[in-house]
Structures are given as C-alpha cells and as structure tokens.
Amino acid sequence: MTASDYRKTFKQLEAKPAILKKYIKHNTPKQRKFGVGSRKCRRCGRYEAYIQKYKLGYCRHCFREIATSLGFKKYN
C-alpha cells in the first residue's frame, strides 16, 4: 500500500463510521522522518532517484526534463 491510496477506501466506508475509525487507526502509514519514504519529487511524486543537492527536490527523471529551464548546462 502506498502513502496515498489508503484514502481511496474512505468513500466506501462513509456509511460505517465505526469501521472507518478502526480502518484509519490501523491502516494509515506512519509519518516518515528519514529515509527514502520521507522525500518525494515535488513535480511527479516519486520516491526513487531523489536529488537533494542544491535543494532541488526533484527526481532525476524530472530534473533531466527541466534542467535547462533551471539554468543548468550539460557539458560533454
């Protein structure tokens, strides 16, 4: 289960508040303070291949697409 899809079942459980409360208690992911799950790309939301240098906050895939607009140059 990913960090965002646990909320999808809320719609189904709206009519059953007791079950919804128990579901939320046991199935919400814990808040990550460090590690891979604590940082995600601000453009696409990926957790992998995250670039922290210069406080970019993008994954490498998004960075390759927008690097020239950010002012980076590719040297051969």
PDB file of N, CA and C in Angstrom:
ATOM      1  N   MET A   1       0.844  -1.172   0.000  1.00  0.00           N
ATOM      2  CA  MET A   1       0.000   0.000   0.000  1.00  0.00           C
ATOM      3  C   MET A   1       0.895   1.243   0.000  1.00  0.00           C
ATOM      4  N   THR A   2       0.632   2.132  -0.891  1.00  0.00           N
ATOM      5  CA  THR A   2       1.446   3.338  -0.967  1.00  0.00           C
ATOM      6  C   THR A   2       0.933   4.384   0.023  1.00  0.00           C
ATOM      7  N   ALA A   3       1.620   5.500   0.056  1.00  0.00           N
ATOM      8  CA  ALA A   3       1.286   6.528   1.038  1.00  0.00           C
ATOM      9  C   ALA A   3      -0.032   7.226   0.736  1.00  0.00           C
ATOM     10  N   SER A   4      -0.507   7.170  -0.489  1.00  0.00           N
ATOM     11  CA  SER A   4      -1.705   7.935  -0.828  1.00  0.00           C
ATOM     12  C   SER A   4      -2.955   7.089  -1.050  1.00  0.00           C
ATOM     13  N   ASP A   5      -2.828   5.795  -1.371  1.00  0.00           N
ATOM     14  CA  ASP A   5      -4.023   5.053  -1.750  1.00  0.00           C
ATOM     15  C   ASP A   5      -4.846   4.514  -0.588  1.00  0.00           C
ATOM     16  N   TYR A   6      -4.408   4.695   0.657  1.00  0.00           N
ATOM     17  CA  TYR A   6      -5.231   4.244   1.777  1.00  0.00           C
ATOM     18  C   TYR A   6      -6.475   5.112   1.911  1.00  0.00           C
ATOM     19  N   ARG A   7      -6.452   6.322   1.366  1.00  0.00           N
ATOM     20  CA  ARG A   7      -7.598   7.226   1.454  1.00  0.00           C
ATOM     21  C   ARG A   7      -8.717   6.857   0.483  1.00  0.00           C
ATOM     22  N   LYS A   8      -8.428   6.026  -0.501  1.00  0.00           N
ATOM     23  CA  LYS A   8      -9.420   5.673  -1.523  1.00  0.00           C
ATOM     24  C   LYS A   8     -10.594   4.893  -0.938  1.00  0.00           C
ATOM     25  N   THR A   9     -10.366   4.172   0.127  1.00  0.00           N
ATOM     26  CA  THR A   9     -11.443   3.375   0.715  1.00  0.00           C
ATOM     27  C   THR A   9     -12.338   4.189   1.631  1.00  0.00           C
ATOM     28  N   PHE A  10     -11.979   5.423   1.917  1.00  0.00           N
ATOM     29  CA  PHE A  10     -12.817   6.260   2.776  1.00  0.00           C
ATOM     30  C   PHE A  10     -14.222   6.419   2.208  1.00  0.00           C
ATOM     31  N   LYS A  11     -14.322   6.554   0.904  1.00  0.00           N
ATOM     32  CA  LYS A  11     -15.614   6.758   0.273  1.00  0.00           C
ATOM     33  C   LYS A  11     -16.542   5.559   0.508  1.00  0.00           C
ATOM     34  N   GLN A  12     -15.969   4.369   0.474  1.00  0.00           N
ATOM     35  CA  GLN A  12     -16.773   3.162   0.673  1.00  0.00           C
ATOM     36  C   GLN A  12     -17.217   3.006   2.125  1.00  0.00           C
ATOM     37  N   LEU A  13     -16.401   3.490   3.042  1.00  0.00           N
ATOM     38  CA  LEU A  13     -16.692   3.300   4.460  1.00  0.00           C
ATOM     39  C   LEU A  13     -17.393   4.490   5.114  1.00  0.00           C
ATOM     40  N   GLU A  14     -17.828   5.471   4.347  1.00  0.00           N
ATOM     41  CA  GLU A  14     -18.504   6.641   4.927  1.00  0.00           C
ATOM     42  C   GLU A  14     -19.779   6.271   5.661  1.00  0.00           C
ATOM     43  N   ALA A  15     -20.475   5.254   5.199  1.00  0.00           N
ATOM     44  CA  ALA A  15     -21.734   4.853   5.821  1.00  0.00           C
ATOM     45  C   ALA A  15     -21.520   4.059   7.112  1.00  0.00           C
ATOM     46  N   LYS A  16     -20.294   3.601   7.359  1.00  0.00           N
ATOM     47  CA  LYS A  16     -19.998   2.795   8.540  1.00  0.00           C
ATOM     48  C   LYS A  16     -18.915   3.486   9.369  1.00  0.00           C
ATOM     49  N   PRO A  17     -19.285   4.424  10.223  1.00  0.00           N
ATOM     50  CA  PRO A  17     -18.277   5.220  10.929  1.00  0.00           C
ATOM     51  C   PRO A  17     -17.398   4.422  11.898  1.00  0.00           C
ATOM     52  N   ALA A  18     -17.936   3.399  12.515  1.00  0.00           N
ATOM     53  CA  ALA A  18     -17.134   2.610  13.454  1.00  0.00           C
ATOM     54  C   ALA A  18     -16.036   1.853  12.718  1.00  0.00           C
ATOM     55  N   ILE A  19     -16.386   1.276  11.575  1.00  0.00           N
ATOM     56  CA  ILE A  19     -15.400   0.544  10.787  1.00  0.00           C
ATOM     57  C   ILE A  19     -14.380   1.512  10.187  1.00  0.00           C
ATOM     58  N   LEU A  20     -14.831   2.688   9.771  1.00  0.00           N
ATOM     59  CA  LEU A  20     -13.931   3.698   9.211  1.00  0.00           C
ATOM     60  C   LEU A  20     -12.907   4.140  10.249  1.00  0.00           C
ATOM     61  N   LYS A  21     -13.337   4.343  11.480  1.00  0.00           N
ATOM     62  CA  LYS A  21     -12.430   4.759  12.545  1.00  0.00           C
ATOM     63  C   LYS A  21     -11.365   3.691  12.805  1.00  0.00           C
ATOM     64  N   LYS A  22     -11.773   2.433  12.818  1.00  0.00           N
ATOM     65  CA  LYS A  22     -10.835   1.337  13.024  1.00  0.00           C
ATOM     66  C   LYS A  22      -9.883   1.212  11.836  1.00  0.00           C
ATOM     67  N   TYR A  23     -10.409   1.410  10.640  1.00  0.00           N
ATOM     68  CA  TYR A  23      -9.587   1.339   9.429  1.00  0.00           C
ATOM     69  C   TYR A  23      -8.511   2.422   9.451  1.00  0.00           C
ATOM     70  N   ILE A  24      -8.891   3.635   9.814  1.00  0.00           N
ATOM     71  CA  ILE A  24      -7.935   4.737   9.869  1.00  0.00           C
ATOM     72  C   ILE A  24      -6.857   4.464  10.911  1.00  0.00           C
ATOM     73  N   LYS A  25      -7.262   3.918  12.048  1.00  0.00           N
ATOM     74  CA  LYS A  25      -6.316   3.653  13.132  1.00  0.00           C
ATOM     75  C   LYS A  25      -5.242   2.649  12.711  1.00  0.00           C
ATOM     76  N   HIS A  26      -5.635   1.622  11.987  1.00  0.00           N
ATOM     77  CA  HIS A  26      -4.704   0.540  11.686  1.00  0.00           C
ATOM     78  C   HIS A  26      -4.059   0.626  10.311  1.00  0.00           C
ATOM     79  N   ASN A  27      -4.566   1.427   9.390  1.00  0.00           N
ATOM     80  CA  ASN A  27      -4.062   1.397   8.023  1.00  0.00           C
ATOM     81  C   ASN A  27      -3.409   2.676   7.525  1.00  0.00           C
ATOM     82  N   THR A  28      -3.403   3.738   8.293  1.00  0.00           N
ATOM     83  CA  THR A  28      -2.718   4.937   7.833  1.00  0.00           C
ATOM     84  C   THR A  28      -1.214   4.729   7.978  1.00  0.00           C
ATOM     85  N   PRO A  29      -0.438   5.112   6.976  1.00  0.00           N
ATOM     86  CA  PRO A  29       1.007   4.945   7.091  1.00  0.00           C
ATOM     87  C   PRO A  29       1.598   5.929   8.089  1.00  0.00           C
ATOM     88  N   LYS A  30       2.651   5.508   8.765  1.00  0.00           N
ATOM     89  CA  LYS A  30       3.255   6.406   9.742  1.00  0.00           C
ATOM     90  C   LYS A  30       4.051   7.495   9.031  1.00  0.00           C
ATOM     91  N   GLN A  31       4.196   8.619   9.690  1.00  0.00           N
ATOM     92  CA  GLN A  31       4.938   9.747   9.128  1.00  0.00           C
ATOM     93  C   GLN A  31       6.421   9.407   9.132  1.00  0.00           C
ATOM     94  N   ARG A  32       7.068   9.520   7.978  1.00  0.00           N
ATOM     95  CA  ARG A  32       8.487   9.191   7.863  1.00  0.00           C
ATOM     96  C   ARG A  32       9.334  10.413   8.192  1.00  0.00           C
ATOM     97  N   LYS A  33      10.341  10.226   9.034  1.00  0.00           N
ATOM     98  CA  LYS A  33      11.222  11.327   9.406  1.00  0.00           C
ATOM     99  C   LYS A  33      12.529  11.296   8.629  1.00  0.00           C
ATOM    100  N   PHE A  34      12.935  10.116   8.160  1.00  0.00           N
ATOM    101  CA  PHE A  34      14.160   9.988   7.380  1.00  0.00           C
ATOM    102  C   PHE A  34      14.035   8.756   6.497  1.00  0.00           C
ATOM    103  N   GLY A  35      14.928   8.642   5.538  1.00  0.00           N
ATOM    104  CA  GLY A  35      14.907   7.511   4.621  1.00  0.00           C
ATOM    105  C   GLY A  35      14.243   7.855   3.304  1.00  0.00           C
ATOM    106  N   VAL A  36      14.053   6.830   2.487  1.00  0.00           N
ATOM    107  CA  VAL A  36      13.518   7.013   1.137  1.00  0.00           C
ATOM    108  C   VAL A  36      12.090   7.550   1.168  1.00  0.00           C
ATOM    109  N   GLY A  37      11.275   7.070   2.076  1.00  0.00           N
ATOM    110  CA  GLY A  37       9.870   7.464   2.115  1.00  0.00           C
ATOM    111  C   GLY A  37       9.601   8.863   2.638  1.00  0.00           C
ATOM    112  N   SER A  38      10.624   9.535   3.148  1.00  0.00           N
ATOM    113  CA  SER A  38      10.403  10.865   3.710  1.00  0.00           C
ATOM    114  C   SER A  38      10.506  11.963   2.667  1.00  0.00           C
ATOM    115  N   ARG A  39      11.113  11.659   1.521  1.00  0.00           N
ATOM    116  CA  ARG A  39      11.308  12.670   0.481  1.00  0.00           C
ATOM    117  C   ARG A  39      10.689  12.192  -0.812  1.00  0.00           C
ATOM    118  N   LYS A  40       9.946  13.072  -1.457  1.00  0.00           N
ATOM    119  CA  LYS A  40       9.401  12.722  -2.764  1.00  0.00           C
ATOM    120  C   LYS A  40       9.516  13.909  -3.703  1.00  0.00           C
ATOM    121  N   CYS A  41       9.509  13.619  -4.972  1.00  0.00           N
ATOM    122  CA  CYS A  41       9.655  14.632  -6.001  1.00  0.00           C
ATOM    123  C   CYS A  41       8.476  15.589  -5.932  1.00  0.00           C
ATOM    124  N   ARG A  42       8.769  16.890  -5.998  1.00  0.00           N
ATOM    125  CA  ARG A  42       7.668  17.846  -5.915  1.00  0.00           C
ATOM    126  C   ARG A  42       6.938  18.016  -7.228  1.00  0.00           C
ATOM    127  N   ARG A  43       7.463  17.420  -8.296  1.00  0.00           N
ATOM    128  CA  ARG A  43       6.804  17.527  -9.601  1.00  0.00           C
ATOM    129  C   ARG A  43       5.928  16.311  -9.893  1.00  0.00           C
ATOM    130  N   CYS A  44       6.476  15.110  -9.703  1.00  0.00           N
ATOM    131  CA  CYS A  44       5.713  13.902 -10.058  1.00  0.00           C
ATOM    132  C   CYS A  44       5.342  13.042  -8.853  1.00  0.00           C
ATOM    133  N   GLY A  45       6.000  13.227  -7.708  1.00  0.00           N
ATOM    134  CA  GLY A  45       5.656  12.475  -6.503  1.00  0.00           C
ATOM    135  C   GLY A  45       6.402  11.171  -6.334  1.00  0.00           C
ATOM    136  N   ARG A  46       7.419  10.910  -7.130  1.00  0.00           N
ATOM    137  CA  ARG A  46       8.208   9.687  -6.995  1.00  0.00           C
ATOM    138  C   ARG A  46       9.098   9.752  -5.769  1.00  0.00           C
ATOM    139  N   TYR A  47       9.372   8.588  -5.204  1.00  0.00           N
ATOM    140  CA  TYR A  47      10.261   8.492  -4.059  1.00  0.00           C
ATOM    141  C   TYR A  47      11.676   8.118  -4.475  1.00  0.00           C
ATOM    142  N   GLU A  48      11.827   7.455  -5.605  1.00  0.00           N
ATOM    143  CA  GLU A  48      13.135   6.964  -6.031  1.00  0.00           C
ATOM    144  C   GLU A  48      13.920   8.048  -6.756  1.00  0.00           C
ATOM    145  N   ALA A  49      15.248   7.901  -6.756  1.00  0.00           N
ATOM    146  CA  ALA A  49      16.176   8.750  -7.505  1.00  0.00           C
ATOM    147  C   ALA A  49      15.966  10.228  -7.198  1.00  0.00           C
ATOM    148  N   TYR A  50      15.868  10.555  -5.951  1.00  0.00           N
ATOM    149  CA  TYR A  50      15.604  11.915  -5.484  1.00  0.00           C
ATOM    150  C   TYR A  50      16.914  12.693  -5.422  1.00  0.00           C
ATOM    151  N   ILE A  51      16.922  13.921  -5.943  1.00  0.00           N
ATOM    152  CA  ILE A  51      18.116  14.766  -5.937  1.00  0.00           C
ATOM    153  C   ILE A  51      17.944  15.847  -4.877  1.00  0.00           C
ATOM    154  N   GLN A  52      18.788  15.783  -3.840  1.00  0.00           N
ATOM    155  CA  GLN A  52      18.714  16.758  -2.758  1.00  0.00           C
ATOM    156  C   GLN A  52      19.688  17.905  -2.950  1.00  0.00           C
ATOM    157  N   LYS A  53      20.690  17.698  -3.776  1.00  0.00           N
ATOM    158  CA  LYS A  53      21.738  18.699  -3.929  1.00  0.00           C
ATOM    159  C   LYS A  53      21.157  20.020  -4.415  1.00  0.00           C
ATOM    160  N   TYR A  54      21.652  21.118  -3.897  1.00  0.00           N
ATOM    161  CA  TYR A  54      21.186  22.476  -4.188  1.00  0.00           C
ATOM    162  C   TYR A  54      19.710  22.666  -3.818  1.00  0.00           C
ATOM    163  N   LYS A  55      19.192  21.798  -2.963  1.00  0.00           N
ATOM    164  CA  LYS A  55      17.782  21.852  -2.521  1.00  0.00           C
ATOM    165  C   LYS A  55      16.816  21.837  -3.702  1.00  0.00           C
ATOM    166  N   LEU A  56      17.100  20.956  -4.666  1.00  0.00           N
ATOM    167  CA  LEU A  56      16.256  20.872  -5.856  1.00  0.00           C
ATOM    168  C   LEU A  56      14.904  20.257  -5.548  1.00  0.00           C
ATOM    169  N   GLY A  57      14.909  19.058  -4.965  1.00  0.00           N
ATOM    170  CA  GLY A  57      13.655  18.399  -4.623  1.00  0.00           C
ATOM    171  C   GLY A  57      12.967  17.720  -5.786  1.00  0.00           C
ATOM    172  N   TYR A  58      13.727  17.329  -6.804  1.00  0.00           N
ATOM    173  CA  TYR A  58      13.170  16.636  -7.965  1.00  0.00           C
ATOM    174  C   TYR A  58      13.797  15.260  -8.090  1.00  0.00           C
ATOM    175  N   CYS A  59      13.088  14.345  -8.724  1.00  0.00           N
ATOM    176  CA  CYS A  59      13.698  13.065  -9.060  1.00  0.00           C
ATOM    177  C   CYS A  59      14.561  13.278 -10.302  1.00  0.00           C
ATOM    178  N   ARG A  60      15.403  12.329 -10.610  1.00  0.00           N
ATOM    179  CA  ARG A  60      16.330  12.511 -11.720  1.00  0.00           C
ATOM    180  C   ARG A  60      15.609  12.582 -13.055  1.00  0.00           C
ATOM    181  N   HIS A  61      14.459  11.948 -13.168  1.00  0.00           N
ATOM    182  CA  HIS A  61      13.696  11.960 -14.416  1.00  0.00           C
ATOM    183  C   HIS A  61      13.155  13.359 -14.694  1.00  0.00           C
ATOM    184  N   CYS A  62      12.561  13.966 -13.688  1.00  0.00           N
ATOM    185  CA  CYS A  62      12.029  15.322 -13.851  1.00  0.00           C
ATOM    186  C   CYS A  62      13.158  16.329 -14.020  1.00  0.00           C
ATOM    187  N   PHE A  63      14.256  16.108 -13.312  1.00  0.00           N
ATOM    188  CA  PHE A  63      15.375  17.036 -13.417  1.00  0.00           C
ATOM    189  C   PHE A  63      15.922  17.079 -14.839  1.00  0.00           C
ATOM    190  N   ARG A  64      16.014  15.936 -15.505  1.00  0.00           N
ATOM    191  CA  ARG A  64      16.513  15.914 -16.882  1.00  0.00           C
ATOM    192  C   ARG A  64      15.602  16.698 -17.814  1.00  0.00           C
ATOM    193  N   GLU A  65      14.307  16.699 -17.536  1.00  0.00           N
ATOM    194  CA  GLU A  65      13.363  17.409 -18.401  1.00  0.00           C
ATOM    195  C   GLU A  65      13.424  18.922 -18.201  1.00  0.00           C
ATOM    196  N   ILE A  66      13.661  19.379 -16.972  1.00  0.00           N
ATOM    197  CA  ILE A  66      13.579  20.814 -16.697  1.00  0.00           C
ATOM    198  C   ILE A  66      14.913  21.452 -16.336  1.00  0.00           C
ATOM    199  N   ALA A  67      16.030  20.737 -16.499  1.00  0.00           N
ATOM    200  CA  ALA A  67      17.340  21.254 -16.089  1.00  0.00           C
ATOM    201  C   ALA A  67      17.706  22.530 -16.830  1.00  0.00           C
ATOM    202  N   THR A  68      17.436  22.599 -18.117  1.00  0.00           N
ATOM    203  CA  THR A  68      17.817  23.797 -18.880  1.00  0.00           C
ATOM    204  C   THR A  68      17.001  25.015 -18.446  1.00  0.00           C
ATOM    205  N   SER A  69      15.753  24.809 -18.095  1.00  0.00           N
ATOM    206  CA  SER A  69      14.936  25.940 -17.643  1.00  0.00           C
ATOM    207  C   SER A  69      15.359  26.420 -16.255  1.00  0.00           C
ATOM    208  N   LEU A  70      16.008  25.551 -15.470  1.00  0.00           N
ATOM    209  CA  LEU A  70      16.502  25.941 -14.166  1.00  0.00           C
ATOM    210  C   LEU A  70      17.864  26.627 -14.248  1.00  0.00           C
ATOM    211  N   GLY A  71      18.516  26.549 -15.423  1.00  0.00           N
ATOM    212  CA  GLY A  71      19.797  27.211 -15.597  1.00  0.00           C
ATOM    213  C   GLY A  71      20.984  26.283 -15.601  1.00  0.00           C
ATOM    214  N   PHE A  72      20.778  24.993 -15.614  1.00  0.00           N
ATOM    215  CA  PHE A  72      21.873  24.039 -15.670  1.00  0.00           C
ATOM    216  C   PHE A  72      22.277  23.819 -17.118  1.00  0.00           C
ATOM    217  N   LYS A  73      23.569  23.606 -17.333  1.00  0.00           N
ATOM    218  CA  LYS A  73      24.085  23.335 -18.677  1.00  0.00           C
ATOM    219  C   LYS A  73      24.682  21.944 -18.700  1.00  0.00           C
ATOM    220  N   LYS A  74      24.555  21.275 -19.825  1.00  0.00           N
ATOM    221  CA  LYS A  74      25.138  19.954 -19.978  1.00  0.00           C
ATOM    222  C   LYS A  74      26.498  20.092 -20.651  1.00  0.00           C
ATOM    223  N   TYR A  75      27.517  19.609 -19.981  1.00  0.00           N
ATOM    224  CA  TYR A  75      28.876  19.645 -20.528  1.00  0.00           C
ATOM    225  C   TYR A  75      29.240  18.275 -21.047  1.00  0.00           C
ATOM    226  N   ASN A  76      29.898  18.248 -22.191  1.00  0.00           N
ATOM    227  CA  ASN A  76      30.314  16.948 -22.773  1.00  0.00           C
ATOM    228  C   ASN A  76      31.654  16.526 -22.271  1.00  0.00           C
TER     229      ASN A  76
END
